[in-house]
Structure formats: C-alpha cells, structure tokens
C-alpha atoms as a PDB file:
ATOM      1  CA  MET A   1       0.112  -0.524  -0.004  1.00  0.00           C
ATOM      2  CA  ILE A   2       0.902   3.539  -0.674  1.00  0.00           C
ATOM      3  CA  CYS A   3       0.360   6.280   2.161  1.00  0.00           C
ATOM      4  CA  LYS A   4      -1.801   8.972   0.469  1.00  0.00           C
ATOM      5  CA  ASN A   5      -0.268  11.451   2.725  1.00  0.00           C
ATOM      6  CA  CYS A   6       3.127  11.026   1.794  1.00  0.00           C
ATOM      7  CA  GLY A   7       3.587   8.101  -0.773  1.00  0.00           C
ATOM      8  CA  TRP A   8       5.715   5.788   0.989  1.00  0.00           C
ATOM      9  CA  LYS A   9       5.207   2.367   0.579  1.00  0.00           C
ATOM     10  CA  ILE A  10       3.958   0.997   3.756  1.00  0.00           C
ATOM     11  CA  TYR A  11       2.934  -2.275   5.183  1.00  0.00           C
ATOM     12  CA  ASP A  12      -0.859  -3.531   3.738  1.00  0.00           C
ATOM     13  CA  LYS A  13      -2.199  -4.015   7.228  1.00  0.00           C
ATOM     14  CA  ALA A  14      -1.055  -0.508   8.750  1.00  0.00           C
ATOM     15  CA  ALA A  15      -3.294   1.370  10.598  1.00  0.00           C
ATOM     16  CA  VAL A  16      -1.198   4.601  10.315  1.00  0.00           C
ATOM     17  CA  CYS A  17       2.172   5.288   8.173  1.00  0.00           C
ATOM     18  CA  PRO A  18       5.468   4.722   9.666  1.00  0.00           C
ATOM     19  CA  HIS A  19       6.898   7.335   8.069  1.00  0.00           C
ATOM     20  CA  CYS A  20       4.782  10.346   8.703  1.00  0.00           C
ATOM     21  CA  GLY A  21       1.529   9.211  11.185  1.00  0.00           C
ATOM     22  CA  ALA A  22      -0.680   9.742   8.668  1.00  0.00           C
ATOM     23  CA  PRO A  23      -4.032   7.190   9.461  1.00  0.00           C
ATOM     24  CA  THR A  24      -4.571   4.372   6.927  1.00  0.00           C
ATOM     25  CA  GLU A  25      -8.081   3.348   5.355  1.00  0.00           C
ATOM     26  CA  ASN A  26      -7.252   0.318   7.726  1.00  0.00           C
ATOM     27  CA  ALA A  27      -7.757   3.027  10.905  1.00  0.00           C
ATOM     28  CA  VAL A  28     -10.937   4.250   9.575  1.00  0.00           C
ATOM     29  CA  LYS A  29     -12.356   0.916   8.972  1.00  0.00           C
ATOM     30  CA  LYS A  30     -11.468  -0.121  12.556  1.00  0.00           C
ATOM     31  CA  LYS A  31     -13.190   2.838  14.030  1.00  0.00           C
ATOM     32  CA  LYS A  32     -16.077   2.242  12.163  1.00  0.00           C
ATOM     33  CA  GLU A  33     -15.847  -1.429  13.645  1.00  0.00           C
ATOM     34  CA  LYS A  34     -15.708  -0.305  17.048  1.00  0.00           C
ATOM     35  CA  LYS A  35     -18.569   2.050  16.735  1.00  0.00           C
ATOM     36  CA  ASN A  36     -20.964  -0.485  15.511  1.00  0.00           C
ATOM     37  CA  LYS A  37     -20.650  -2.852  18.323  1.00  0.00           C
ATOM     38  CA  ARG A  38     -23.391  -2.787  19.966  1.00  0.00           C
ATOM     39  CA  VAL A  39     -23.508  -2.799  23.966  1.00  0.00           C
ATOM     40  CA  ILE A  40     -26.406  -4.629  25.545  1.00  0.00           C
ATOM     41  CA  ASN A  41     -27.803  -3.355  29.206  1.00  0.00           C
ATOM     42  CA  GLY A  42     -28.156  -6.720  31.285  1.00  0.00           C
ATOM     43  CA  TYR A  43     -29.427  -5.049  34.021  1.00  0.00           C
ATOM     44  CA  ALA A  44     -32.616  -3.939  32.050  1.00  0.00           C
ATOM     45  CA  ILE A  45     -32.700  -7.705  30.729  1.00  0.00           C
ATOM     46  CA  ALA A  46     -32.658  -9.028  33.776  1.00  0.00           C
ATOM     47  CA  GLY A  47     -35.095  -6.576  35.963  1.00  0.00           C
ATOM     48  CA  LEU A  48     -37.453  -7.398  32.821  1.00  0.00           C
ATOM     49  CA  SER A  49     -37.255 -10.945  33.289  1.00  0.00           C
ATOM     50  CA  LEU A  50     -37.421 -11.026  37.159  1.00  0.00           C
ATOM     51  CA  GLY A  51     -40.610  -8.581  36.852  1.00  0.00           C
ATOM     52  CA  ALA A  52     -42.292 -10.864  34.383  1.00  0.00           C
ATOM     53  CA  VAL A  53     -41.066 -14.157  36.378  1.00  0.00           C
ATOM     54  CA  GLY A  54     -42.843 -12.567  39.495  1.00  0.00           C
ATOM     55  CA  ILE A  55     -46.283 -11.961  38.043  1.00  0.00           C
ATOM     56  CA  LEU A  56     -46.098 -15.465  36.677  1.00  0.00           C
ATOM     57  CA  PHE A  57     -45.216 -17.107  39.713  1.00  0.00           C
ATOM     58  CA  CYS A  58     -47.514 -14.499  42.557  1.00  0.00           C
ATOM     59  CA  MET A  59     -49.373 -17.358  43.709  1.00  0.00           C
ATOM     60  CA  GLU A  60     -46.054 -18.700  45.701  1.00  0.00           C
ATOM     61  CA  MET A  61     -45.252 -17.055  48.926  1.00  0.00           C
ATOM     62  CA  ILE A  62     -41.515 -17.159  48.834  1.00  0.00           C
ATOM     63  CA  PHE A  63     -41.607 -15.499  44.914  1.00  0.00           C
ATOM     64  CA  PHE A  64     -42.333 -11.808  46.294  1.00  0.00           C
ATOM     65  CA  ILE A  65     -38.217 -11.554  46.081  1.00  0.00           C
ATOM     66  CA  PHE A  66     -38.374 -11.820  42.162  1.00  0.00           C
ATOM     67  CA  PRO A  67     -40.168  -8.613  41.426  1.00  0.00           C
ATOM     68  CA  LEU A  68     -38.447  -7.239  44.178  1.00  0.00           C
ATOM     69  CA  LEU A  69     -34.973  -7.850  42.800  1.00  0.00           C
ATOM     70  CA  GLY A  70     -36.382  -7.068  39.548  1.00  0.00           C
ATOM     71  CA  ILE A  71     -36.791  -3.244  40.801  1.00  0.00           C
ATOM     72  CA  ILE A  72     -33.511  -3.274  42.288  1.00  0.00           C
ATOM     73  CA  PHE A  73     -31.923  -4.459  38.897  1.00  0.00           C
ATOM     74  CA  SER A  74     -34.398  -2.144  36.479  1.00  0.00           C
ATOM     75  CA  ALA A  75     -33.341   0.840  38.843  1.00  0.00           C
ATOM     76  CA  ILE A  76     -29.574   0.187  38.179  1.00  0.00           C
ATOM     77  CA  ALA A  77     -30.211  -0.689  34.673  1.00  0.00           C
ATOM     78  CA  LEU A  78     -32.205   2.965  34.581  1.00  0.00           C
ATOM     79  CA  TYR A  79     -29.020   4.458  36.482  1.00  0.00           C
ATOM     80  CA  LYS A  80     -26.275   2.849  33.740  1.00  0.00           C
ATOM     81  CA  SER A  81     -28.585   3.543  30.578  1.00  0.00           C
ATOM     82  CA  LYS A  82     -26.229   6.577  30.018  1.00  0.00           C
ATOM     83  CA  LYS A  83     -23.715   4.888  29.398  1.00  0.00           C
ATOM     84  CA  LEU A  84     -25.090   0.939  28.243  1.00  0.00           C
ATOM     85  CA  GLY A  85     -27.879   2.345  26.968  1.00  0.00           C
ATOM     86  CA  GLY A  86     -31.757   0.331  26.836  1.00  0.00           C
ATOM     87  CA  LYS A  87     -33.387   3.274  29.033  1.00  0.00           C
ATOM     88  CA  LYS A  88     -36.621   2.161  27.579  1.00  0.00           C
ATOM     89  CA  LEU A  89     -36.124  -1.471  28.393  1.00  0.00           C
ATOM     90  CA  ALA A  90     -35.111  -0.380  32.137  1.00  0.00           C
ATOM     91  CA  ILE A  91     -38.315   1.495  32.670  1.00  0.00           C
ATOM     92  CA  LEU A  92     -40.276  -1.094  31.057  1.00  0.00           C
ATOM     93  CA  GLY A  93     -38.496  -3.584  33.594  1.00  0.00           C
ATOM     94  CA  LEU A  94     -39.445  -1.164  36.514  1.00  0.00           C
ATOM     95  CA  VAL A  95     -42.990  -1.119  35.803  1.00  0.00           C
ATOM     96  CA  ILE A  96     -43.421  -4.754  35.230  1.00  0.00           C
ATOM     97  CA  SER A  97     -41.826  -5.364  38.019  1.00  0.00           C
ATOM     98  CA  ILE A  98     -43.918  -3.026  39.990  1.00  0.00           C
ATOM     99  CA  ILE A  99     -47.303  -4.541  38.630  1.00  0.00           C
ATOM    100  CA  GLY A 100     -45.374  -8.033  40.252  1.00  0.00           C
ATOM    101  CA  MET A 101     -45.049  -6.793  43.190  1.00  0.00           C
ATOM    102  CA  VAL A 102     -48.454  -5.182  43.360  1.00  0.00           C
ATOM    103  CA  VAL A 103     -50.055  -8.352  42.457  1.00  0.00           C
ATOM    104  CA  TRP A 104     -48.358 -10.129  44.385  1.00  0.00           C
ATOM    105  CA  LEU A 105     -49.441  -8.115  47.599  1.00  0.00           C
ATOM    106  CA  PHE A 106     -53.141  -8.208  46.288  1.00  0.00           C
ATOM    107  CA  VAL A 107     -52.996 -12.050  46.186  1.00  0.00           C
ATOM    108  CA  TRP A 108     -51.564 -12.421  49.595  1.00  0.00           C
ATOM    109  CA  ILE A 109     -53.683  -9.453  51.210  1.00  0.00           C
ATOM    110  CA  THR A 110     -56.434 -11.352  49.860  1.00  0.00           C
ATOM    111  CA  VAL A 111     -55.572 -14.615  50.891  1.00  0.00           C
ATOM    112  CA  LEU A 112     -54.897 -13.778  54.352  1.00  0.00           C
ATOM    113  CA  VAL A 113     -58.317 -11.646  54.420  1.00  0.00           C
ATOM    114  CA  THR A 114     -60.103 -14.949  53.399  1.00  0.00           C
ATOM    115  CA  MET A 115     -58.071 -17.267  56.090  1.00  0.00           C
ATOM    116  CA  ILE A 116     -59.305 -14.371  58.889  1.00  0.00           C
ATOM    117  CA  THR A 117     -62.846 -14.319  57.747  1.00  0.00           C
ATOM    118  CA  ALA A 118     -63.309 -17.701  57.005  1.00  0.00           C
ATOM    119  CA  GLY A 119     -62.033 -18.632  60.583  1.00  0.00           C
END
C-alpha cells in the first residue's frame, strides 16, 4: 500500500504510516467497526425477566423476591442507561416489576383476609 499523505510504501495492514503518522484506510475501518459494536444492558434484561417471573408465580409466597429483585435490577439499569443504553427496556422492567409486586401483594392480602374471615 502507498501512503496517501507522504507517498511511502507501507505494510498493507498498517493502521498508520510509520513515516509520517497519517492514518490509513485500515484505521478508518477499525473506527467504524468499534462504533458498530452494540452494548447490551444486562441489568435491564434481568429486571424485566424477574418482574415477569414475579407476575407469573405470584401465587407462591416466597416468589415476592423476583419482582423485588426486578425493581432493583431495573433501577440499576436505568442508572447505567447513560453509558450502556437500554433506557426504555429499563423503564419497562421497572413497570413490570412494580406491577408484579402489586399483584403479589393483592393476592396475598386477599388470601389473608379470606383466612381471617373464614375462620
């Protein structure tokens, strides 16, 4: 390859010219590849998943932990969304987790009231 800046012959895979330091086409390609990498906010996915599991298994007493953890993970995801992205997913996880917690509370308050009034 020939450097477009100084005209020296350089190695074909060089990112910069060793003579003048000018970036080559390879450097431009590497920058584009780095920009195209997508970062996934795992906290948001975990928060949404835990909230959904909490809704599905709200009839079990111990499963209150899932929507609670969903709220925690979604809040962390929302905090980290500036760097990692996934703000909408974090908000959705937060909403689903809060709904899961409310459903769990409603089910178990209803069960307790029924047990108290029945006997």
